[in-house]
Amino acid sequence: SARKYLTHTVLAAVLSWSVYSVIMKKWGGELPKQATFLVTMLIGLFILSPFYVWESLQSPFQWGSLTLDMWLGIVYISIFPTLVAFTCWNEGVIRVGPSRASNYLHLIVVFAGIFALFIGETYTLVQFIGALFIIGGVLLVSNSK
């Protein structure tokens, strides 16, 4: 079922991110930052390529149908959320370790909600309360160490 597939996908993502963070702490400081990023992207390419091939066989994609705005979006996503975010995350893990760095992962949801306001999304009371819980949890954990 779709729910079981989604559960397994989320578990695989959490497991792979945990393994990545631990490996980054252990070996991330030994290589230059550019080499670390390149190795990370190549491993990701190797792991995800079979899924891309499978998906392409299921529903072929027409690259020619992409507009200039779509290409600019791809370039933007490639630079900021990928390059900048991974570089910052890697540096944080190297400096403070994966267990402390992981406490701040939950802030992604809060910032996504804030940035959603810039594109006209509504911010509900439930989302605001959830953001307060997340911020409170991060503050609680970071002050207890």
C-alpha atoms as a PDB file:
ATOM      1  CA  SER A   1       0.000   0.000   0.000  1.00  0.00           C
ATOM      2  CA  ALA A   2       0.973   3.634  -0.394  1.00  0.00           C
ATOM      3  CA  ARG A   3       1.136   4.195   3.364  1.00  0.00           C
ATOM      4  CA  LYS A   4       3.521   1.273   3.855  1.00  0.00           C
ATOM      5  CA  TYR A   5       5.688   2.528   0.964  1.00  0.00           C
ATOM      6  CA  LEU A   6       5.776   6.028   2.447  1.00  0.00           C
ATOM      7  CA  THR A   7       6.659   4.687   5.901  1.00  0.00           C
ATOM      8  CA  HIS A   8       9.528   2.657   4.499  1.00  0.00           C
ATOM      9  CA  THR A   9      10.716   5.612   2.431  1.00  0.00           C
ATOM     10  CA  VAL A  10      10.737   7.938   5.443  1.00  0.00           C
ATOM     11  CA  LEU A  11      12.534   5.338   7.571  1.00  0.00           C
ATOM     12  CA  ALA A  12      15.147   4.847   4.843  1.00  0.00           C
ATOM     13  CA  ALA A  13      15.638   8.615   4.616  1.00  0.00           C
ATOM     14  CA  VAL A  14      16.083   8.977   8.382  1.00  0.00           C
ATOM     15  CA  LEU A  15      18.471   6.030   8.515  1.00  0.00           C
ATOM     16  CA  SER A  16      20.553   7.274   5.590  1.00  0.00           C
ATOM     17  CA  TRP A  17      20.714  10.800   7.032  1.00  0.00           C
ATOM     18  CA  SER A  18      21.834   9.410  10.398  1.00  0.00           C
ATOM     19  CA  VAL A  19      24.546   7.298   8.786  1.00  0.00           C
ATOM     20  CA  TYR A  20      25.624  10.269   6.659  1.00  0.00           C
ATOM     21  CA  SER A  21      25.909  12.533   9.707  1.00  0.00           C
ATOM     22  CA  VAL A  22      27.962  10.021  11.685  1.00  0.00           C
ATOM     23  CA  ILE A  23      30.283   9.436   8.711  1.00  0.00           C
ATOM     24  CA  MET A  24      30.600  13.195   8.239  1.00  0.00           C
ATOM     25  CA  LYS A  25      31.728  13.630  11.838  1.00  0.00           C
ATOM     26  CA  LYS A  26      34.262  10.830  11.528  1.00  0.00           C
ATOM     27  CA  TRP A  27      35.778  11.614   8.111  1.00  0.00           C
ATOM     28  CA  GLY A  28      34.429  15.019   7.115  1.00  0.00           C
ATOM     29  CA  GLY A  29      37.273  17.018   8.597  1.00  0.00           C
ATOM     30  CA  GLU A  30      39.954  14.932   6.892  1.00  0.00           C
ATOM     31  CA  LEU A  31      39.104  15.937   3.321  1.00  0.00           C
ATOM     32  CA  PRO A  32      38.876  19.434   1.833  1.00  0.00           C
ATOM     33  CA  LYS A  33      35.303  20.753   1.864  1.00  0.00           C
ATOM     34  CA  GLN A  34      35.003  20.632  -1.932  1.00  0.00           C
ATOM     35  CA  ALA A  35      36.164  17.003  -2.010  1.00  0.00           C
ATOM     36  CA  THR A  36      33.739  16.081   0.767  1.00  0.00           C
ATOM     37  CA  PHE A  37      30.879  17.685  -1.135  1.00  0.00           C
ATOM     38  CA  LEU A  38      31.898  16.009  -4.403  1.00  0.00           C
ATOM     39  CA  VAL A  39      32.111  12.570  -2.770  1.00  0.00           C
ATOM     40  CA  THR A  40      28.719  13.123  -1.119  1.00  0.00           C
ATOM     41  CA  MET A  41      27.096  14.060  -4.425  1.00  0.00           C
ATOM     42  CA  LEU A  42      28.708  11.142  -6.289  1.00  0.00           C
ATOM     43  CA  ILE A  43      27.522   8.648  -3.673  1.00  0.00           C
ATOM     44  CA  GLY A  44      24.032  10.160  -3.875  1.00  0.00           C
ATOM     45  CA  LEU A  45      24.137   9.947  -7.669  1.00  0.00           C
ATOM     46  CA  PHE A  46      25.196   6.298  -7.498  1.00  0.00           C
ATOM     47  CA  ILE A  47      22.463   5.387  -5.002  1.00  0.00           C
ATOM     48  CA  LEU A  48      19.656   7.346  -6.695  1.00  0.00           C
ATOM     49  CA  SER A  49      20.434   6.504 -10.338  1.00  0.00           C
ATOM     50  CA  PRO A  50      18.602   3.138 -10.315  1.00  0.00           C
ATOM     51  CA  PHE A  51      15.492   4.875  -8.963  1.00  0.00           C
ATOM     52  CA  TYR A  52      15.745   7.522 -11.696  1.00  0.00           C
ATOM     53  CA  VAL A  53      16.020   4.825 -14.374  1.00  0.00           C
ATOM     54  CA  TRP A  54      13.056   2.926 -12.927  1.00  0.00           C
ATOM     55  CA  GLU A  55      10.953   6.100 -12.724  1.00  0.00           C
ATOM     56  CA  SER A  56      11.926   7.079 -16.286  1.00  0.00           C
ATOM     57  CA  LEU A  57      10.798   3.693 -17.569  1.00  0.00           C
ATOM     58  CA  GLN A  58       7.455   4.065 -15.765  1.00  0.00           C
ATOM     59  CA  SER A  59       6.686   7.519 -17.153  1.00  0.00           C
ATOM     60  CA  PRO A  60       9.162   8.984 -19.640  1.00  0.00           C
ATOM     61  CA  PHE A  61       9.972  12.653 -19.099  1.00  0.00           C
ATOM     62  CA  GLN A  62      10.353  15.107 -21.960  1.00  0.00           C
ATOM     63  CA  TRP A  63      13.263  17.400 -21.087  1.00  0.00           C
ATOM     64  CA  GLY A  64      12.305  19.680 -23.970  1.00  0.00           C
ATOM     65  CA  SER A  65       9.053  20.555 -22.214  1.00  0.00           C
ATOM     66  CA  LEU A  66      10.892  22.507 -19.504  1.00  0.00           C
ATOM     67  CA  THR A  67      10.488  26.271 -19.707  1.00  0.00           C
ATOM     68  CA  LEU A  68      13.160  28.848 -18.851  1.00  0.00           C
ATOM     69  CA  ASP A  69      11.513  29.427 -15.454  1.00  0.00           C
ATOM     70  CA  MET A  70      11.701  25.704 -14.730  1.00  0.00           C
ATOM     71  CA  TRP A  71      15.402  25.586 -15.662  1.00  0.00           C
ATOM     72  CA  LEU A  72      16.073  28.614 -13.452  1.00  0.00           C
ATOM     73  CA  GLY A  73      14.272  26.812 -10.632  1.00  0.00           C
ATOM     74  CA  ILE A  74      16.468  23.755 -11.124  1.00  0.00           C
ATOM     75  CA  VAL A  75      19.604  25.930 -11.066  1.00  0.00           C
ATOM     76  CA  TYR A  76      18.380  27.692  -7.907  1.00  0.00           C
ATOM     77  CA  ILE A  77      17.628  24.401  -6.149  1.00  0.00           C
ATOM     78  CA  SER A  78      21.009  23.044  -7.193  1.00  0.00           C
ATOM     79  CA  ILE A  79      22.880  25.980  -5.687  1.00  0.00           C
ATOM     80  CA  PHE A  80      21.104  27.132  -2.551  1.00  0.00           C
ATOM     81  CA  PRO A  81      19.274  24.240  -0.904  1.00  0.00           C
ATOM     82  CA  THR A  82      21.891  21.763  -2.068  1.00  0.00           C
ATOM     83  CA  LEU A  83      25.316  23.371  -2.106  1.00  0.00           C
ATOM     84  CA  VAL A  84      24.833  25.947   0.648  1.00  0.00           C
ATOM     85  CA  ALA A  85      22.733  23.764   2.949  1.00  0.00           C
ATOM     86  CA  PHE A  86      24.977  20.702   2.687  1.00  0.00           C
ATOM     87  CA  THR A  87      28.089  22.811   3.211  1.00  0.00           C
ATOM     88  CA  CYS A  88      26.605  24.410   6.333  1.00  0.00           C
ATOM     89  CA  TRP A  89      25.340  21.075   7.656  1.00  0.00           C
ATOM     90  CA  ASN A  90      28.681  19.360   7.072  1.00  0.00           C
ATOM     91  CA  GLU A  91      30.551  22.143   8.853  1.00  0.00           C
ATOM     92  CA  GLY A  92      28.118  22.028  11.774  1.00  0.00           C
ATOM     93  CA  VAL A  93      28.451  18.263  12.152  1.00  0.00           C
ATOM     94  CA  ILE A  94      32.243  18.502  12.030  1.00  0.00           C
ATOM     95  CA  ARG A  95      32.248  21.230  14.701  1.00  0.00           C
ATOM     96  CA  VAL A  96      29.614  20.017  17.178  1.00  0.00           C
ATOM     97  CA  GLY A  97      28.980  16.378  16.232  1.00  0.00           C
ATOM     98  CA  PRO A  98      25.942  14.647  14.754  1.00  0.00           C
ATOM     99  CA  SER A  99      23.950  14.310  17.976  1.00  0.00           C
ATOM    100  CA  ARG A 100      24.044  18.046  18.773  1.00  0.00           C
ATOM    101  CA  ALA A 101      23.584  19.070  15.138  1.00  0.00           C
ATOM    102  CA  SER A 102      20.537  16.821  14.749  1.00  0.00           C
ATOM    103  CA  ASN A 103      18.707  18.832  17.410  1.00  0.00           C
ATOM    104  CA  TYR A 104      18.484  21.705  14.937  1.00  0.00           C
ATOM    105  CA  LEU A 105      17.107  19.609  12.063  1.00  0.00           C
ATOM    106  CA  HIS A 106      13.590  20.190  13.345  1.00  0.00           C
ATOM    107  CA  LEU A 107      13.937  23.918  12.651  1.00  0.00           C
ATOM    108  CA  ILE A 108      13.659  23.127   8.935  1.00  0.00           C
ATOM    109  CA  VAL A 109       9.897  22.834   9.389  1.00  0.00           C
ATOM    110  CA  VAL A 110       9.719  26.186  11.184  1.00  0.00           C
ATOM    111  CA  PHE A 111      11.724  27.991   8.503  1.00  0.00           C
ATOM    112  CA  ALA A 112       9.726  26.309   5.743  1.00  0.00           C
ATOM    113  CA  GLY A 113       6.577  27.706   7.341  1.00  0.00           C
ATOM    114  CA  ILE A 114       8.084  31.176   7.598  1.00  0.00           C
ATOM    115  CA  PHE A 115       9.313  31.141   4.000  1.00  0.00           C
ATOM    116  CA  ALA A 116       5.901  29.880   2.852  1.00  0.00           C
ATOM    117  CA  LEU A 117       4.464  33.212   3.972  1.00  0.00           C
ATOM    118  CA  PHE A 118       6.567  34.936   1.293  1.00  0.00           C
ATOM    119  CA  ILE A 119       4.768  33.016  -1.447  1.00  0.00           C
ATOM    120  CA  GLY A 120       1.313  33.728  -0.089  1.00  0.00           C
ATOM    121  CA  GLU A 121       0.643  30.584   1.938  1.00  0.00           C
ATOM    122  CA  THR A 122      -1.441  30.902   5.083  1.00  0.00           C
ATOM    123  CA  TYR A 123       0.038  30.140   8.487  1.00  0.00           C
ATOM    124  CA  THR A 124      -2.556  28.483  10.701  1.00  0.00           C
ATOM    125  CA  LEU A 125      -2.802  28.491  14.475  1.00  0.00           C
ATOM    126  CA  VAL A 126      -1.896  24.800  14.557  1.00  0.00           C
ATOM    127  CA  GLN A 127       1.279  25.488  12.566  1.00  0.00           C
ATOM    128  CA  PHE A 128       2.168  28.370  14.872  1.00  0.00           C
ATOM    129  CA  ILE A 129       1.672  26.203  17.968  1.00  0.00           C
ATOM    130  CA  GLY A 130       3.730  23.446  16.348  1.00  0.00           C
ATOM    131  CA  ALA A 131       6.506  25.943  15.610  1.00  0.00           C
ATOM    132  CA  LEU A 132       6.470  27.060  19.250  1.00  0.00           C
ATOM    133  CA  PHE A 133       6.814  23.442  20.393  1.00  0.00           C
ATOM    134  CA  ILE A 134       9.717  22.872  18.015  1.00  0.00           C
ATOM    135  CA  ILE A 135      11.504  26.064  19.069  1.00  0.00           C
ATOM    136  CA  GLY A 136      10.861  25.237  22.727  1.00  0.00           C
ATOM    137  CA  GLY A 137      12.242  21.734  22.253  1.00  0.00           C
ATOM    138  CA  VAL A 138      15.354  22.992  20.489  1.00  0.00           C
ATOM    139  CA  LEU A 139      15.955  25.583  23.225  1.00  0.00           C
ATOM    140  CA  LEU A 140      15.379  22.987  25.941  1.00  0.00           C
ATOM    141  CA  VAL A 141      17.812  20.511  24.411  1.00  0.00           C
ATOM    142  CA  SER A 142      20.460  23.103  23.563  1.00  0.00           C
ATOM    143  CA  ASN A 143      20.373  24.633  27.065  1.00  0.00           C
ATOM    144  CA  SER A 144      20.541  21.263  28.822  1.00  0.00           C
ATOM    145  CA  LYS A 145      24.004  20.460  27.466  1.00  0.00           C
END
